[in-house]
C-alpha atoms as a PDB file:
ATOM      1  CA  MET A   1      -0.024  -0.008  -0.012  1.00  0.00           C
ATOM      2  CA  PRO A   2       1.586   3.334  -0.995  1.00  0.00           C
ATOM      3  CA  MET A   3       2.354   5.844   1.732  1.00  0.00           C
ATOM      4  CA  ASP A   4       3.013   9.502   1.337  1.00  0.00           C
ATOM      5  CA  LEU A   5       5.798  10.821   3.632  1.00  0.00           C
ATOM      6  CA  PRO A   6       5.862  14.413   4.828  1.00  0.00           C
ATOM      7  CA  ASP A   7       8.684  16.665   3.590  1.00  0.00           C
ATOM      8  CA  GLY A   8      11.976  15.910   5.319  1.00  0.00           C
ATOM      9  CA  VAL A   9      11.031  12.478   6.656  1.00  0.00           C
ATOM     10  CA  GLY A  10      12.691  10.664   3.766  1.00  0.00           C
ATOM     11  CA  GLN A  11      15.847  12.828   4.025  1.00  0.00           C
ATOM     12  CA  LEU A  12      15.953  12.169   7.796  1.00  0.00           C
ATOM     13  CA  MET A  13      15.714   8.422   7.210  1.00  0.00           C
ATOM     14  CA  ILE A  14      18.519   8.514   4.652  1.00  0.00           C
ATOM     15  CA  THR A  15      20.693  10.533   7.006  1.00  0.00           C
ATOM     16  CA  GLU A  16      20.038   8.207   9.873  1.00  0.00           C
ATOM     17  CA  SER A  17      20.854   5.121   7.704  1.00  0.00           C
ATOM     18  CA  ALA A  18      24.108   6.702   6.466  1.00  0.00           C
ATOM     19  CA  GLY A  19      25.070   7.517  10.071  1.00  0.00           C
ATOM     20  CA  SER A  20      24.326   3.933  11.068  1.00  0.00           C
ATOM     21  CA  ILE A  21      26.490   2.589   8.294  1.00  0.00           C
ATOM     22  CA  GLN A  22      29.348   4.894   9.211  1.00  0.00           C
ATOM     23  CA  ALA A  23      29.104   3.853  12.896  1.00  0.00           C
ATOM     24  CA  SER A  24      29.166   0.254  11.966  1.00  0.00           C
ATOM     25  CA  SER A  25      32.249   0.717   9.777  1.00  0.00           C
ATOM     26  CA  ARG A  26      33.981   2.641  12.581  1.00  0.00           C
ATOM     27  CA  ASN A  27      33.230  -0.172  15.069  1.00  0.00           C
ATOM     28  CA  ALA A  28      34.486  -2.787  12.618  1.00  0.00           C
ATOM     29  CA  ARG A  29      37.754  -0.851  12.161  1.00  0.00           C
ATOM     30  CA  GLY A  30      38.169  -0.654  15.929  1.00  0.00           C
ATOM     31  CA  VAL A  31      37.739  -4.439  16.317  1.00  0.00           C
ATOM     32  CA  PHE A  32      40.144  -5.008  13.403  1.00  0.00           C
ATOM     33  CA  ASP A  33      42.755  -2.745  15.004  1.00  0.00           C
ATOM     34  CA  ALA A  34      42.413  -4.541  18.353  1.00  0.00           C
ATOM     35  CA  VAL A  35      42.771  -7.948  16.777  1.00  0.00           C
ATOM     36  CA  MET A  36      45.805  -6.889  14.682  1.00  0.00           C
ATOM     37  CA  GLY A  37      47.435  -5.480  17.813  1.00  0.00           C
ATOM     38  CA  ALA A  38      46.892  -8.769  19.688  1.00  0.00           C
ATOM     39  CA  ILE A  39      48.357 -10.726  16.766  1.00  0.00           C
ATOM     40  CA  ALA A  40      51.398  -8.426  16.582  1.00  0.00           C
ATOM     41  CA  ALA A  41      51.993  -8.763  20.337  1.00  0.00           C
ATOM     42  CA  THR A  42      51.729 -12.592  20.125  1.00  0.00           C
ATOM     43  CA  VAL A  43      54.197 -12.699  17.255  1.00  0.00           C
ATOM     44  CA  GLN A  44      56.653 -10.404  19.108  1.00  0.00           C
ATOM     45  CA  THR A  45      56.354 -12.514  22.281  1.00  0.00           C
ATOM     46  CA  ASN A  46      56.918 -15.725  20.354  1.00  0.00           C
ATOM     47  CA  LEU A  47      59.986 -14.303  18.699  1.00  0.00           C
ATOM     48  CA  ALA A  48      61.360 -12.891  21.952  1.00  0.00           C
ATOM     49  CA  GLU A  49      61.096 -16.213  23.807  1.00  0.00           C
ATOM     50  CA  VAL A  50      63.966 -18.524  22.934  1.00  0.00           C
ATOM     51  CA  GLY A  51      63.367 -22.029  24.286  1.00  0.00           C
ATOM     52  CA  THR A  52      65.940 -24.323  25.811  1.00  0.00           C
ATOM     53  CA  LEU A  53      66.448 -26.356  22.700  1.00  0.00           C
ATOM     54  CA  GLU A  54      66.910 -23.357  20.478  1.00  0.00           C
ATOM     55  CA  SER A  55      69.295 -21.741  22.932  1.00  0.00           C
ATOM     56  CA  GLU A  56      71.441 -24.832  23.218  1.00  0.00           C
ATOM     57  CA  ALA A  57      71.588 -25.204  19.402  1.00  0.00           C
ATOM     58  CA  VAL A  58      72.570 -21.601  19.017  1.00  0.00           C
ATOM     59  CA  GLN A  59      75.303 -21.892  21.691  1.00  0.00           C
ATOM     60  CA  ARG A  60      76.701 -24.993  20.038  1.00  0.00           C
ATOM     61  CA  ILE A  61      76.850 -23.182  16.660  1.00  0.00           C
ATOM     62  CA  LYS A  62      78.597 -20.219  18.219  1.00  0.00           C
ATOM     63  CA  ALA A  63      81.062 -22.458  20.058  1.00  0.00           C
ATOM     64  CA  THR A  64      82.061 -24.287  16.923  1.00  0.00           C
ATOM     65  CA  PRO A  65      85.634 -23.324  16.096  1.00  0.00           C
ATOM     66  CA  MET A  66      86.114 -21.594  12.791  1.00  0.00           C
ATOM     67  CA  ALA A  67      88.875 -22.725  10.403  1.00  0.00           C
ATOM     68  CA  SER A  68      91.909 -20.498  10.351  1.00  0.00           C
ATOM     69  CA  PRO A  69      92.184 -18.199   7.354  1.00  0.00           C
ATOM     70  CA  ALA A  70      93.982 -19.538   4.382  1.00  0.00           C
ATOM     71  CA  ILE A  71      97.425 -17.939   4.006  1.00  0.00           C
ATOM     72  CA  GLN A  72      98.766 -17.481   0.485  1.00  0.00           C
ATOM     73  CA  THR A  73     102.481 -17.698  -0.020  1.00  0.00           C
ATOM     74  CA  ASP A  74     104.239 -15.731  -2.676  1.00  0.00           C
ATOM     75  CA  LYS A  75     105.707 -17.921  -5.391  1.00  0.00           C
END
């Protein structure tokens, strides 16, 4: 059934809908930023923590003696 709206009511409804869409987008960006911050913190924590096995392996590599430099003799 058709309905005639008074002047300004349609404009008011469009303005309210646009505001709701913008608010929803702003909230979604806020959630996205929070999640990305949590992921970044987790990655940083995981990279900062060196476990026992990794630490031992690194120490063994560092303790491995290097070969002495090759010395060239003049002919």
